[in-house]
Protein backbone atom coordinates (compact mmCIF):
# COMPACT_ATOMS: atom_id res chain seq x y z
CA UNK A 1 -1.59 11.72 -89.75
CA UNK A 2 2.13 11.85 -89.01
CA UNK A 3 4.22 9.17 -90.71
CA UNK A 4 7.66 8.19 -89.36
CA UNK A 5 10.25 6.86 -91.83
CA UNK A 6 13.63 5.51 -90.81
CA UNK A 7 16.96 5.69 -92.62
CA UNK A 8 20.61 6.11 -91.73
CA UNK A 9 21.58 9.45 -90.19
CA UNK A 10 24.93 10.46 -91.71
CA UNK A 11 25.07 14.11 -90.65
CA UNK A 12 23.64 15.29 -87.37
CA UNK A 13 21.11 18.03 -86.88
CA UNK A 14 17.40 18.79 -87.08
CA UNK A 15 15.76 20.47 -90.06
CA UNK A 16 12.13 21.50 -90.56
CA UNK A 17 10.87 22.54 -93.98
CA UNK A 18 8.97 21.82 -97.17
CA UNK A 19 10.17 19.12 -99.54
CA UNK A 20 11.62 19.58 -102.99
CA UNK A 21 12.00 16.32 -104.91
CA UNK A 22 14.86 15.91 -107.35
CA UNK A 23 14.31 13.20 -109.92
CA UNK A 24 17.23 12.50 -112.21
CA UNK A 25 15.75 11.52 -115.54
CA UNK A 26 16.69 8.03 -116.67
CA UNK A 27 18.80 8.68 -119.72
CA UNK A 28 17.59 6.82 -122.77
CA UNK A 29 20.76 5.69 -124.54
CA UNK A 30 20.28 4.12 -127.97
CA UNK A 31 22.85 2.11 -129.91
CA UNK A 32 23.15 2.60 -133.62
CA UNK A 33 25.81 2.22 -136.28
CA UNK A 34 27.18 5.19 -138.15
CA UNK A 35 28.61 5.30 -141.69
CA UNK A 36 32.38 5.30 -142.02
CA UNK A 37 32.45 8.90 -143.27
CA UNK A 38 30.67 10.08 -140.08
CA UNK A 39 33.08 8.50 -137.59
CA UNK A 40 35.36 11.52 -137.18
CA UNK A 41 32.37 13.83 -136.84
CA UNK A 42 31.06 11.57 -134.03
CA UNK A 43 34.49 11.64 -132.35
CA UNK A 44 34.46 15.45 -132.49
CA UNK A 45 30.93 15.53 -131.08
CA UNK A 46 32.08 13.45 -128.12
CA UNK A 47 35.19 15.57 -127.54
CA UNK A 48 33.10 18.78 -127.63
CA UNK A 49 30.74 17.28 -125.02
CA UNK A 50 33.71 16.51 -122.74
CA UNK A 51 34.95 20.09 -123.16
CA UNK A 52 31.48 21.44 -122.29
CA UNK A 53 31.35 19.20 -119.21
CA UNK A 54 34.68 20.63 -118.06
CA UNK A 55 33.37 24.17 -118.55
CA UNK A 56 30.23 23.41 -116.53
CA UNK A 57 32.20 21.94 -113.63
CA UNK A 58 34.63 24.85 -113.62
CA UNK A 59 31.64 27.21 -113.51
CA UNK A 60 30.39 25.37 -110.40
CA UNK A 61 33.86 25.58 -108.89
CA UNK A 62 34.05 29.32 -109.58
CA UNK A 63 30.74 29.88 -107.76
CA UNK A 64 32.12 28.40 -104.53
CA UNK A 65 33.18 31.21 -102.14
CA UNK A 66 36.78 31.11 -100.95
CA UNK A 67 35.54 30.91 -97.36
CA UNK A 68 33.72 27.62 -98.03
CA UNK A 69 35.13 24.41 -96.56
CA UNK A 70 37.88 23.05 -98.80
CA UNK A 71 36.21 19.61 -98.96
CA UNK A 72 33.67 20.98 -101.43
CA UNK A 73 36.18 22.11 -104.03
CA UNK A 74 38.02 18.80 -103.59
CA UNK A 75 34.99 16.83 -104.78
CA UNK A 76 34.55 19.01 -107.86
CA UNK A 77 38.30 18.76 -108.50
CA UNK A 78 37.90 14.97 -108.47
CA UNK A 79 35.31 15.18 -111.24
CA UNK A 80 37.49 17.54 -113.26
CA UNK A 81 40.41 15.14 -112.91
CA UNK A 82 38.22 12.33 -114.19
CA UNK A 83 37.58 14.38 -117.31
CA UNK A 84 41.35 14.33 -117.88
CA UNK A 85 41.58 10.55 -117.38
CA UNK A 86 42.27 8.73 -120.66
CA UNK A 87 40.11 5.79 -119.60
CA UNK A 88 37.11 8.12 -119.69
CA UNK A 89 38.02 10.49 -122.50
CA UNK A 90 40.12 8.45 -124.97
CA UNK A 91 38.55 5.00 -124.71
CA UNK A 92 35.11 6.10 -125.98
CA UNK A 93 36.72 7.66 -129.07
CA UNK A 94 38.56 4.39 -129.70
CA UNK A 95 35.26 2.52 -129.42
CA UNK A 96 33.55 4.94 -131.82
CA UNK A 97 36.23 4.25 -134.42
CA UNK A 98 36.45 0.53 -133.74
CA UNK A 99 32.72 -0.25 -133.56
CA UNK A 100 31.47 2.56 -135.84
CA UNK A 101 28.85 3.40 -133.21
CA UNK A 102 27.31 6.59 -131.84
CA UNK A 103 29.13 8.52 -129.09
CA UNK A 104 26.43 7.90 -126.46
CA UNK A 105 26.72 4.13 -126.84
CA UNK A 106 30.54 4.17 -126.80
CA UNK A 107 30.47 6.20 -123.57
CA UNK A 108 27.94 3.82 -122.01
CA UNK A 109 30.12 0.80 -122.87
CA UNK A 110 33.17 2.40 -121.26
CA UNK A 111 31.12 3.48 -118.23
CA UNK A 112 30.06 -0.15 -117.68
CA UNK A 113 33.70 -1.29 -117.81
CA UNK A 114 34.81 1.30 -115.24
CA UNK A 115 31.90 0.67 -112.87
CA UNK A 116 32.52 -3.08 -112.92
CA UNK A 117 36.04 -2.42 -111.60
CA UNK A 118 34.70 -0.38 -108.68
CA UNK A 119 31.99 -2.95 -107.93
CA UNK A 120 34.72 -5.52 -107.25
CA UNK A 121 36.38 -3.35 -104.61
CA UNK A 122 36.04 -4.28 -100.95
CA UNK A 123 36.80 -0.88 -99.46
CA UNK A 124 33.53 1.03 -98.89
CA UNK A 125 35.06 4.46 -99.48
CA UNK A 126 36.72 3.53 -102.76
CA UNK A 127 33.75 1.49 -103.95
CA UNK A 128 31.58 4.61 -103.81
CA UNK A 129 33.86 6.27 -106.37
CA UNK A 130 31.73 4.58 -109.02
CA UNK A 131 29.17 7.28 -108.13
CA UNK A 132 31.69 9.85 -109.37
CA UNK A 133 32.11 7.93 -112.62
CA UNK A 134 28.33 7.88 -113.08
CA UNK A 135 28.08 11.59 -112.32
CA UNK A 136 30.73 12.58 -114.86
CA UNK A 137 29.39 10.17 -117.49
CA UNK A 138 25.81 11.39 -117.01
CA UNK A 139 26.90 15.00 -117.37
CA UNK A 140 28.56 14.19 -120.71
CA UNK A 141 25.55 12.14 -121.82
CA UNK A 142 23.12 14.98 -121.06
CA UNK A 143 25.21 17.28 -123.23
CA UNK A 144 25.31 14.72 -126.04
CA UNK A 145 21.51 14.35 -125.78
CA UNK A 146 20.97 18.15 -125.73
CA UNK A 147 19.08 18.00 -122.43
CA UNK A 148 18.46 21.19 -120.41
CA UNK A 149 19.97 21.60 -116.90
CA UNK A 150 17.94 20.29 -113.96
CA UNK A 151 16.12 22.85 -111.81
CA UNK A 152 18.55 22.67 -108.89
CA UNK A 153 21.48 23.32 -111.25
CA UNK A 154 20.13 26.82 -111.98
CA UNK A 155 21.55 29.29 -109.41
CA UNK A 156 18.58 31.12 -107.86
CA UNK A 157 16.84 31.37 -104.49
CA UNK A 158 13.85 29.12 -105.18
CA UNK A 159 15.14 26.32 -102.92
CA UNK A 160 16.01 28.43 -99.86
CA UNK A 161 14.77 26.67 -96.72
CA UNK A 162 13.76 23.47 -98.52
CA UNK A 163 14.63 19.90 -97.58
CA UNK A 164 15.62 17.95 -100.68
CA UNK A 165 14.51 14.37 -101.32
CA UNK A 166 16.13 12.31 -104.08
CA UNK A 167 16.99 8.77 -105.09
CA UNK A 168 20.61 9.79 -104.63
CA UNK A 169 22.71 12.94 -104.83
CA UNK A 170 26.17 13.54 -106.21
CA UNK A 171 28.72 15.76 -104.45
CA UNK A 172 28.24 18.39 -107.16
CA UNK A 173 24.47 18.25 -106.58
CA UNK A 174 25.09 18.77 -102.88
CA UNK A 175 27.33 21.77 -103.52
CA UNK A 176 24.74 23.41 -105.77
CA UNK A 177 21.92 22.71 -103.34
CA UNK A 178 23.85 24.08 -100.38
CA UNK A 179 24.55 27.31 -102.23
CA UNK A 180 20.90 27.48 -103.27
CA UNK A 181 19.98 27.58 -99.58
CA UNK A 182 18.63 24.09 -98.76
CA UNK A 183 18.58 23.18 -95.07
CA UNK A 184 18.91 19.38 -95.30
CA UNK A 185 18.57 16.39 -97.62
CA UNK A 186 17.41 12.80 -97.60
CA UNK A 187 18.13 10.08 -100.15
CA UNK A 188 16.71 6.62 -100.74
CA UNK A 189 20.14 5.14 -101.41
CA UNK A 190 23.70 5.68 -100.22
CA UNK A 191 25.76 4.89 -97.16
CA UNK A 192 27.83 6.62 -94.47
CA UNK A 193 31.06 6.44 -96.50
CA UNK A 194 29.63 7.88 -99.72
CA UNK A 195 31.13 11.14 -100.96
CA UNK A 196 27.79 12.87 -100.48
CA UNK A 197 27.54 11.74 -96.84
CA UNK A 198 31.09 12.88 -96.13
CA UNK A 199 30.38 16.22 -97.78
CA UNK A 200 27.16 16.68 -95.78
CA UNK A 201 29.09 16.22 -92.53
CA UNK A 202 31.76 18.64 -93.70
CA UNK A 203 29.14 21.27 -94.64
CA UNK A 204 27.14 20.71 -91.48
CA UNK A 205 23.97 19.87 -93.44
CA UNK A 206 21.62 17.46 -91.61
CA UNK A 207 21.26 14.42 -93.83
CA UNK A 208 19.74 10.93 -93.94
CA UNK A 209 20.53 8.24 -96.52
CA UNK A 210 19.05 4.83 -97.17
CA UNK A 211 15.45 6.00 -96.56
CA UNK A 212 13.93 3.25 -98.66
CA UNK A 213 10.57 4.02 -100.30
CA UNK A 214 10.87 7.67 -99.27
CA UNK A 215 9.57 8.83 -102.64
CA UNK A 216 6.51 6.61 -102.15
CA UNK A 217 5.39 8.37 -98.97
CA UNK A 218 6.76 11.91 -99.37
CA UNK A 219 5.53 14.35 -101.99
CA UNK A 220 6.53 17.75 -103.35
CA UNK A 221 5.88 20.59 -100.84
CA UNK A 222 5.11 18.18 -97.94
CA UNK A 223 6.16 19.59 -94.57
CA UNK A 224 8.65 17.26 -92.88
CA UNK A 225 10.99 17.08 -89.91
CA UNK A 226 14.41 15.55 -90.58
CA UNK A 227 16.35 14.31 -87.55
CA UNK A 228 19.85 13.53 -88.84
CA UNK A 229 21.02 12.32 -85.43
CA UNK A 230 18.40 9.58 -85.12
CA UNK A 231 17.91 8.93 -88.84
CA UNK A 232 14.18 9.70 -88.70
CA UNK A 233 11.91 11.65 -91.08
CA UNK A 234 8.48 12.73 -89.81
CA UNK A 235 5.99 13.50 -92.59
CA UNK A 236 3.10 15.92 -91.94
CA UNK A 237 3.92 16.45 -88.22
CA UNK A 238 1.20 17.75 -85.88
CA UNK A 239 1.53 21.03 -83.95
CA UNK A 240 2.76 19.34 -80.77
CA UNK A 241 5.51 17.44 -82.62
CA UNK A 242 6.56 20.60 -84.47
CA UNK A 243 6.80 22.54 -81.21
CA UNK A 244 8.89 19.75 -79.64
CA UNK A 245 11.39 19.68 -82.52
CA UNK A 246 11.65 23.47 -82.65
CA UNK A 247 12.70 23.36 -78.99
CA UNK A 248 15.23 20.66 -79.87
CA UNK A 249 16.60 22.92 -82.63
CA UNK A 250 17.17 25.72 -80.12
CA UNK A 251 18.87 23.31 -77.71
CA UNK A 252 21.02 22.07 -80.58
CA UNK A 253 22.24 25.59 -81.39
CA UNK A 254 23.15 26.15 -77.74
CA UNK A 255 24.98 22.80 -77.73
CA UNK A 256 27.12 23.67 -80.76
CA UNK A 257 27.86 27.10 -79.33
CA UNK A 258 29.14 25.37 -76.19
CA UNK A 259 31.24 22.98 -78.28
CA UNK A 260 32.92 25.91 -79.99
CA UNK A 261 34.18 27.09 -76.61
CA UNK A 262 36.16 23.83 -76.27
CA UNK A 263 38.53 24.82 -79.08
CA UNK A 264 42.01 25.30 -77.74
CA UNK A 265 41.17 23.85 -74.32
CA UNK A 266 42.93 20.71 -73.05
CA UNK A 267 41.36 17.27 -73.39
CA UNK A 268 41.38 15.88 -69.86
CA UNK A 269 39.03 13.67 -67.82
CA UNK A 270 37.33 14.83 -64.62
CA UNK A 271 39.94 12.94 -62.60
CA UNK A 272 42.79 14.75 -64.36
CA UNK A 273 43.94 12.17 -66.93
CA UNK A 274 45.09 13.87 -70.17
CA UNK A 275 43.82 12.31 -73.42
CA UNK A 276 45.37 12.74 -76.86
CA UNK A 277 42.72 13.81 -79.39
CA UNK A 278 43.92 13.88 -82.98
CA UNK A 279 42.26 13.98 -86.42
CA UNK A 280 41.92 11.61 -89.38
CA UNK A 281 42.63 13.26 -92.73
CA UNK A 282 41.77 12.22 -96.30
CA UNK A 283 42.99 15.11 -98.49
CA UNK A 284 45.65 17.83 -98.15
CA UNK A 285 42.90 20.47 -98.22
CA UNK A 286 41.53 19.02 -94.95
CA UNK A 287 44.53 20.00 -92.86
CA UNK A 288 43.30 23.52 -92.18
CA UNK A 289 40.29 21.95 -90.44
CA UNK A 290 42.69 20.22 -88.05
CA UNK A 291 43.89 23.63 -86.87
CA UNK A 292 40.35 25.03 -86.79
CA UNK A 293 38.94 22.41 -84.39
CA UNK A 294 42.03 22.41 -82.18
CA UNK A 295 43.20 18.84 -82.76
CA UNK A 296 46.51 17.96 -81.11
CA UNK A 297 47.78 16.52 -84.37
CA UNK A 298 46.96 14.15 -87.23
CA UNK A 299 46.66 10.56 -86.06
CA UNK A 300 45.94 9.15 -89.52
CA UNK A 301 46.83 10.68 -92.87
CA UNK A 302 45.53 8.48 -95.68
CA UNK A 303 47.74 8.79 -98.77
CA UNK A 304 45.67 6.84 -101.31
CA UNK A 305 44.45 10.07 -102.95
CA UNK A 306 47.95 10.48 -104.44
CA UNK A 307 47.30 7.42 -106.61
CA UNK A 308 43.84 8.41 -107.87
CA UNK A 309 42.91 9.65 -111.34
CA UNK A 310 46.26 8.95 -112.96
CA UNK A 311 47.94 6.30 -115.11
CA UNK A 312 51.27 6.13 -113.27
CA UNK A 313 52.09 6.20 -109.55
CA UNK A 314 53.59 9.31 -107.93
CA UNK A 315 57.37 9.45 -107.74
CA UNK A 316 59.44 10.18 -104.64
CA UNK A 317 59.59 13.92 -105.27
CA UNK A 318 55.82 14.27 -105.62
CA UNK A 319 55.35 12.38 -102.35
CA UNK A 320 57.97 14.56 -100.67
CA UNK A 321 56.49 17.86 -101.88
CA UNK A 322 53.00 16.79 -100.75
CA UNK A 323 54.19 15.88 -97.24
CA UNK A 324 56.28 19.04 -97.02
CA UNK A 325 53.24 21.24 -97.65
CA UNK A 326 51.24 19.35 -95.04
CA UNK A 327 53.96 19.70 -92.41
CA UNK A 328 54.12 23.44 -93.08
CA UNK A 329 50.35 23.81 -92.62
CA UNK A 330 50.43 21.95 -89.29
CA UNK A 331 53.02 24.34 -87.77
CA UNK A 332 54.66 21.77 -85.50
CA UNK A 333 51.69 19.50 -84.78
CA UNK A 334 52.53 15.78 -85.11
CA UNK A 335 51.68 14.03 -88.39
CA UNK A 336 51.14 10.28 -88.74
CA UNK A 337 51.46 9.23 -92.39
CA UNK A 338 49.99 5.85 -93.30
CA UNK A 339 51.72 4.21 -96.22
CA UNK A 340 49.80 3.07 -99.27
CA UNK A 341 46.72 1.01 -98.39
CA UNK A 342 45.64 -0.29 -101.78
CA UNK A 343 45.46 -3.72 -103.33
CA UNK A 344 43.45 -6.13 -105.42
CA UNK A 345 40.29 -4.92 -103.69
CA UNK A 346 41.16 -1.23 -103.77
CA UNK A 347 42.68 -0.46 -107.14
CA UNK A 348 42.81 3.24 -108.00
CA UNK A 349 44.49 4.11 -111.24
CA UNK A 350 48.11 4.93 -110.31
CA UNK A 351 48.17 2.06 -107.80
CA UNK A 352 46.79 -0.52 -110.20
CA UNK A 353 48.94 -3.58 -110.80
CA UNK A 354 48.50 -6.28 -113.40
CA UNK A 355 46.85 -9.50 -112.38
CA UNK A 356 43.39 -10.89 -111.64
CA UNK A 357 41.18 -9.71 -108.79
CA UNK A 358 40.84 -12.51 -106.26
CA UNK A 359 37.51 -14.14 -105.44
CA UNK A 360 37.80 -12.68 -101.93
CA UNK A 361 39.83 -9.49 -102.39
CA UNK A 362 39.53 -8.40 -98.75
CA UNK A 363 41.79 -11.35 -97.93
CA UNK A 364 44.09 -10.89 -100.90
CA UNK A 365 47.04 -8.81 -102.04
CA UNK A 366 46.51 -5.45 -100.39
CA UNK A 367 48.16 -2.81 -98.18
CA UNK A 368 51.62 -3.87 -96.93
CA UNK A 369 51.36 -7.17 -98.82
CA UNK A 370 51.09 -5.31 -102.11
CA UNK A 371 53.82 -2.86 -101.09
CA UNK A 372 56.27 -5.64 -100.28
CA UNK A 373 55.53 -7.35 -103.58
CA UNK A 374 55.77 -4.06 -105.53
CA UNK A 375 58.74 -2.12 -104.08
CA UNK A 376 58.46 0.38 -106.96
CA UNK A 377 55.31 1.65 -105.21
CA UNK A 378 56.63 1.31 -101.67
CA UNK A 379 60.23 2.56 -101.65
CA UNK A 380 59.58 6.02 -103.19
CA UNK A 381 56.91 6.70 -100.58
CA UNK A 382 59.09 5.47 -97.71
CA UNK A 383 62.03 7.58 -98.89
CA UNK A 384 59.80 10.66 -99.11
CA UNK A 385 58.34 10.14 -95.64
CA UNK A 386 61.78 9.59 -94.10
CA UNK A 387 63.17 12.68 -95.86
CA UNK A 388 60.18 14.77 -94.73
CA UNK A 389 60.65 13.67 -91.10
CA UNK A 390 63.40 16.26 -90.64
CA UNK A 391 60.87 19.06 -91.28
CA UNK A 392 58.57 18.32 -88.35
CA UNK A 393 57.23 15.66 -85.97
CA UNK A 394 56.36 12.84 -88.38
CA UNK A 395 55.39 9.23 -87.63
CA UNK A 396 55.31 6.40 -90.18
CA UNK A 397 52.36 3.98 -90.02
CA UNK A 398 52.27 0.58 -91.79
CA UNK A 399 48.79 -0.83 -92.58
CA UNK A 400 47.51 -4.39 -92.25
CA UNK A 401 50.54 -6.14 -90.82
CA UNK A 402 49.62 -9.72 -89.91
CA UNK A 403 52.95 -11.31 -88.93
CA UNK A 404 56.43 -10.34 -87.80
CA UNK A 405 58.01 -11.54 -91.04
CA UNK A 406 56.23 -8.73 -92.89
CA UNK A 407 57.33 -6.30 -90.21
CA UNK A 408 60.96 -7.38 -90.41
CA UNK A 409 60.88 -6.90 -94.20
CA UNK A 410 59.49 -3.37 -93.80
CA UNK A 411 62.05 -2.48 -91.12
CA UNK A 412 64.84 -3.83 -93.34
CA UNK A 413 63.73 -1.62 -96.25
CA UNK A 414 63.58 1.39 -93.91
CA UNK A 415 67.11 0.63 -92.67
CA UNK A 416 68.37 0.36 -96.26
CA UNK A 417 66.80 3.70 -97.19
CA UNK A 418 68.34 5.38 -94.16
CA UNK A 419 71.75 4.05 -95.19
CA UNK A 420 71.24 5.42 -98.71
CA UNK A 421 70.27 8.84 -97.34
CA UNK A 422 73.30 8.84 -95.02
CA UNK A 423 75.56 8.09 -97.98
CA UNK A 424 73.97 10.96 -99.92
CA UNK A 425 74.18 13.35 -96.94
CA UNK A 426 70.40 13.83 -97.03
CA UNK A 427 69.07 14.74 -93.56
CA UNK A 428 66.20 12.93 -91.81
CA UNK A 429 64.99 12.23 -88.28
CA UNK A 430 67.06 9.26 -87.13
CA UNK A 431 64.46 8.60 -84.40
CA UNK A 432 61.48 8.60 -86.79
CA UNK A 433 58.75 6.60 -84.96
CA UNK A 434 57.44 3.59 -86.88
CA UNK A 435 54.08 2.05 -86.00
CA UNK A 436 51.63 -0.58 -87.20
CA UNK A 437 47.92 -0.63 -87.92
CA UNK A 438 46.33 -3.39 -85.86
CA UNK A 439 43.38 -4.42 -88.04
CA UNK A 440 43.88 -8.16 -88.43
CA UNK A 441 42.84 -10.37 -85.47
CA UNK A 442 46.17 -12.22 -85.64
CA UNK A 443 48.00 -8.93 -85.13
CA UNK A 444 45.77 -7.98 -82.19
CA UNK A 445 46.31 -11.34 -80.46
CA UNK A 446 50.07 -10.93 -80.97
CA UNK A 447 50.12 -7.19 -80.28
CA UNK A 448 52.70 -7.71 -77.51
CA UNK A 449 55.10 -9.20 -80.09
CA UNK A 450 54.59 -6.29 -82.51
CA UNK A 451 54.95 -3.78 -79.67
CA UNK A 452 58.44 -5.12 -78.98
CA UNK A 453 59.66 -3.87 -82.38
CA UNK A 454 57.58 -0.72 -82.85
CA UNK A 455 57.20 2.78 -81.43
CA UNK A 456 53.38 2.93 -81.47
CA UNK A 457 50.27 1.00 -82.50
CA UNK A 458 47.05 2.19 -84.12
CA UNK A 459 43.82 0.21 -84.05
CA UNK A 460 41.90 0.22 -87.33
CA UNK A 461 38.55 -0.87 -85.94
CA UNK A 462 36.69 -0.86 -89.29
CA UNK A 463 38.69 -3.78 -90.69
CA UNK A 464 39.30 -5.37 -87.29
CA UNK A 465 35.55 -5.79 -86.81
CA UNK A 466 35.09 -7.01 -90.38
CA UNK A 467 37.77 -9.67 -90.10
CA UNK A 468 36.79 -10.72 -86.58
CA UNK A 469 33.17 -11.26 -87.59
CA UNK A 470 34.10 -12.77 -91.00
CA UNK A 471 31.73 -10.46 -92.86
CA UNK A 472 31.86 -7.96 -95.70
CA UNK A 473 30.79 -4.75 -93.97
CA UNK A 474 29.48 -3.25 -97.21
CA UNK A 475 27.36 -6.29 -98.08
CA UNK A 476 23.75 -5.52 -97.11
CA UNK A 477 22.97 -9.22 -96.63
CA UNK A 478 25.46 -9.65 -93.77
CA UNK A 479 26.15 -6.09 -92.61
CA UNK A 480 23.84 -6.64 -89.61
CA UNK A 481 26.66 -8.77 -88.17
CA UNK A 482 29.03 -5.80 -88.18
CA UNK A 483 29.02 -5.23 -84.43
CA UNK A 484 31.60 -3.00 -82.70
CA UNK A 485 30.20 -4.18 -79.33
CA UNK A 486 30.75 -7.90 -79.89
CA UNK A 487 32.76 -9.16 -76.88
CA UNK A 488 35.38 -10.66 -79.23
CA UNK A 489 36.01 -7.23 -80.78
CA UNK A 490 36.24 -5.56 -77.37
CA UNK A 491 38.66 -8.22 -76.13
CA UNK A 492 40.94 -7.72 -79.15
CA UNK A 493 40.94 -3.97 -78.53
CA UNK A 494 41.71 -4.54 -74.86
CA UNK A 495 44.53 -7.00 -75.65
CA UNK A 496 46.13 -4.41 -77.94
CA UNK A 497 45.80 -1.60 -75.39
CA UNK A 498 47.35 -3.81 -72.69
CA UNK A 499 50.23 -4.72 -75.00
CA UNK A 500 50.97 -1.04 -75.59
CA UNK A 501 50.83 -0.26 -71.88
CA UNK A 502 53.18 -3.14 -71.04
CA UNK A 503 55.66 -2.06 -73.74
CA UNK A 504 55.27 1.60 -72.73
CA UNK A 505 54.28 2.70 -76.25
CA UNK A 506 51.15 4.69 -77.25
CA UNK A 507 48.13 2.97 -78.80
CA UNK A 508 45.49 4.93 -80.71
CA UNK A 509 42.13 4.03 -82.19
CA UNK A 510 41.70 5.64 -85.61
CA UNK A 511 38.70 3.68 -86.91
CA UNK A 512 35.09 4.86 -86.93
CA UNK A 513 34.61 3.69 -83.32
CA UNK A 514 36.86 6.49 -82.11
CA UNK A 515 34.59 9.14 -83.59
CA UNK A 516 31.26 7.60 -82.53
CA UNK A 517 30.39 9.29 -79.25
CA UNK A 518 28.39 6.32 -77.92
CA UNK A 519 31.67 4.38 -77.72
CA UNK A 520 33.88 7.12 -76.23
CA UNK A 521 33.39 6.20 -72.57
CA UNK A 522 33.68 2.47 -73.26
CA UNK A 523 37.01 3.00 -75.03
CA UNK A 524 38.23 5.14 -72.13
CA UNK A 525 37.27 2.37 -69.72
CA UNK A 526 39.14 -0.20 -71.83
CA UNK A 527 42.28 1.90 -71.44
CA UNK A 528 42.38 4.05 -74.59
CA UNK A 529 44.26 7.31 -74.11
CA UNK A 530 44.72 8.37 -77.75
CA UNK A 531 41.81 8.97 -80.15
CA UNK A 532 42.03 9.91 -83.82
CA UNK A 533 38.69 11.01 -85.30
CA UNK A 534 37.13 12.88 -88.22
CA UNK A 535 37.52 16.63 -87.51
CA UNK A 536 33.72 17.07 -87.56
CA UNK A 537 33.41 14.68 -84.58
CA UNK A 538 36.37 15.95 -82.57
CA UNK A 539 34.68 18.53 -80.34
CA UNK A 540 31.79 16.16 -79.54
CA UNK A 541 34.26 13.50 -78.44
CA UNK A 542 36.25 16.07 -76.45
CA UNK A 543 33.15 17.19 -74.56
CA UNK A 544 32.37 13.61 -73.50
CA UNK A 545 35.97 12.97 -72.43
CA UNK A 546 36.08 16.19 -70.39
CA UNK A 547 32.89 15.13 -68.59
CA UNK A 548 34.00 11.57 -67.81
CA UNK A 549 35.60 9.98 -64.76
CA UNK A 550 37.76 6.93 -65.44
CA UNK A 551 37.35 4.83 -62.28
CA UNK A 552 33.68 3.84 -62.82
CA UNK A 553 34.28 3.44 -66.56
CA UNK A 554 36.99 0.84 -65.93
CA UNK A 555 34.54 -1.28 -63.92
CA UNK A 556 31.85 -1.06 -66.59
CA UNK A 557 34.37 -1.87 -69.34
CA UNK A 558 35.43 -4.99 -67.45
CA UNK A 559 31.79 -6.04 -67.31
CA UNK A 560 31.56 -5.54 -71.08
CA UNK A 561 34.62 -7.75 -71.61
CA UNK A 562 32.92 -10.50 -69.60
CA UNK A 563 29.62 -10.21 -71.46
CA UNK A 564 28.35 -13.12 -73.53
CA UNK A 565 27.00 -11.15 -76.49
CA UNK A 566 26.49 -7.72 -77.99
CA UNK A 567 23.04 -7.34 -76.42
CA UNK A 568 24.49 -7.62 -72.92
CA UNK A 569 27.20 -5.12 -73.88
CA UNK A 570 24.53 -2.70 -75.16
CA UNK A 571 22.81 -2.85 -71.76
CA UNK A 572 26.12 -2.08 -70.08
CA UNK A 573 26.65 0.75 -72.57
CA UNK A 574 23.41 2.34 -71.42
CA UNK A 575 24.97 2.58 -67.95
CA UNK A 576 28.28 3.81 -69.38
CA UNK A 577 26.58 6.66 -71.25
CA UNK A 578 24.02 7.51 -68.56
């Protein structure tokens, strides 16, 4: 009998194959004291294990073909950087000496300290970095415990065509599995912003996460169908179901072939309205993908990675050199650089400031608030962005503004920096556009006021929805309230778009809504003319835009604005996407 299990589809596509189950052994870490004369030996044992872990990761990195998407190497690089971080490599040796304990226990104690920091973070993407800590720590622990490599870590062809099921997977696991020929994977845990989910989308591997109790119902060598678009796993499908999904696979291949033909073609509605379709970027390595999918530019360049895995923040020159390389890669395409978006809830090494984490960090000292309080973080980045603006079409984006006083402070600092550069005869674009992220309801309601002082606006729908609904979007107990279709959210988006139109400045949506194709037509109807999406979603969004007519969408969007709840909006959406 066919069993249907539901999870969260994080990477689209259909896969059919036998199951291979990966079970990460629970490491049994014992605590024991060691005699004083053995302390240095234990320190050396730990340091040798760290060295071996580095060698193993470099071996994985060396097995990645040069033609492979750059995202993959970036994840392994992150783990290698962690093995250079003193908080992971030096602290355990201090604990060994101080507590006279075994290396495994010292490493576990430090792991618990690091993970507790990440657990306090509000940002979903940065919170999942604790998975990277666990991965690196577990690799060192396995070496210390003299455990043999897991089956999937051995490079051979035994897993070709398999669908992998696991409690969870690390990015390195995913890399190894992909090169061992797996067709898809499903995990019991994880979310859409986890590194593994992001990597699956980048690799084009169909994937489902959060399939609770999957290991209870699925067994080794079971035949399953994985539908990454709908988040469904079918166990032991009958012949009719198999035939249906094989037809869907063929249709899917034809669909992606058709999408490829959209590269380089204009993004324009059926009634001739041109739409700006740009890309969101996390890491410098991602910029080549922008060119590959034919994006018209970068609508959001997140710069937080510059502050990760280090003890001190980057200086002006490091910022400048990073932006210079990016501008060169883009060959004249516009680049929107968002300034540092860290804070009490999103501490990452080089951006960490002294002081307690607030009881509600999402509402605390973060983003522009932190930058204005800590100019030593803010000014070097602003100077670098302004200097880089002479090299290509650059825009400067300020996150999480909530009032005009903050804006006036930022504009004053920018004016001071420009005066300094003038005095030093350092060139820059005197017309450098400055914009604001609209992600706080107060800013959306007063978008017309912000628009008076700025050159563009960008809607960060992830936080806007979170703050509007007064929920923590990564808290499972209230995440059901995270509703992009709530009329209040739609009205705030509409207010912001109207403010931009009245002030004759562009407004983009760069949050997840922009890349979710079920919202594309609704956003068009609300008046959006500039999307910024993950590169993997860009061609899908373009296809929908190119097959849409605005006049009927405007009427349906108005109906959505007048709806009483998200259920009514969903019914309207069915008509929008018909």
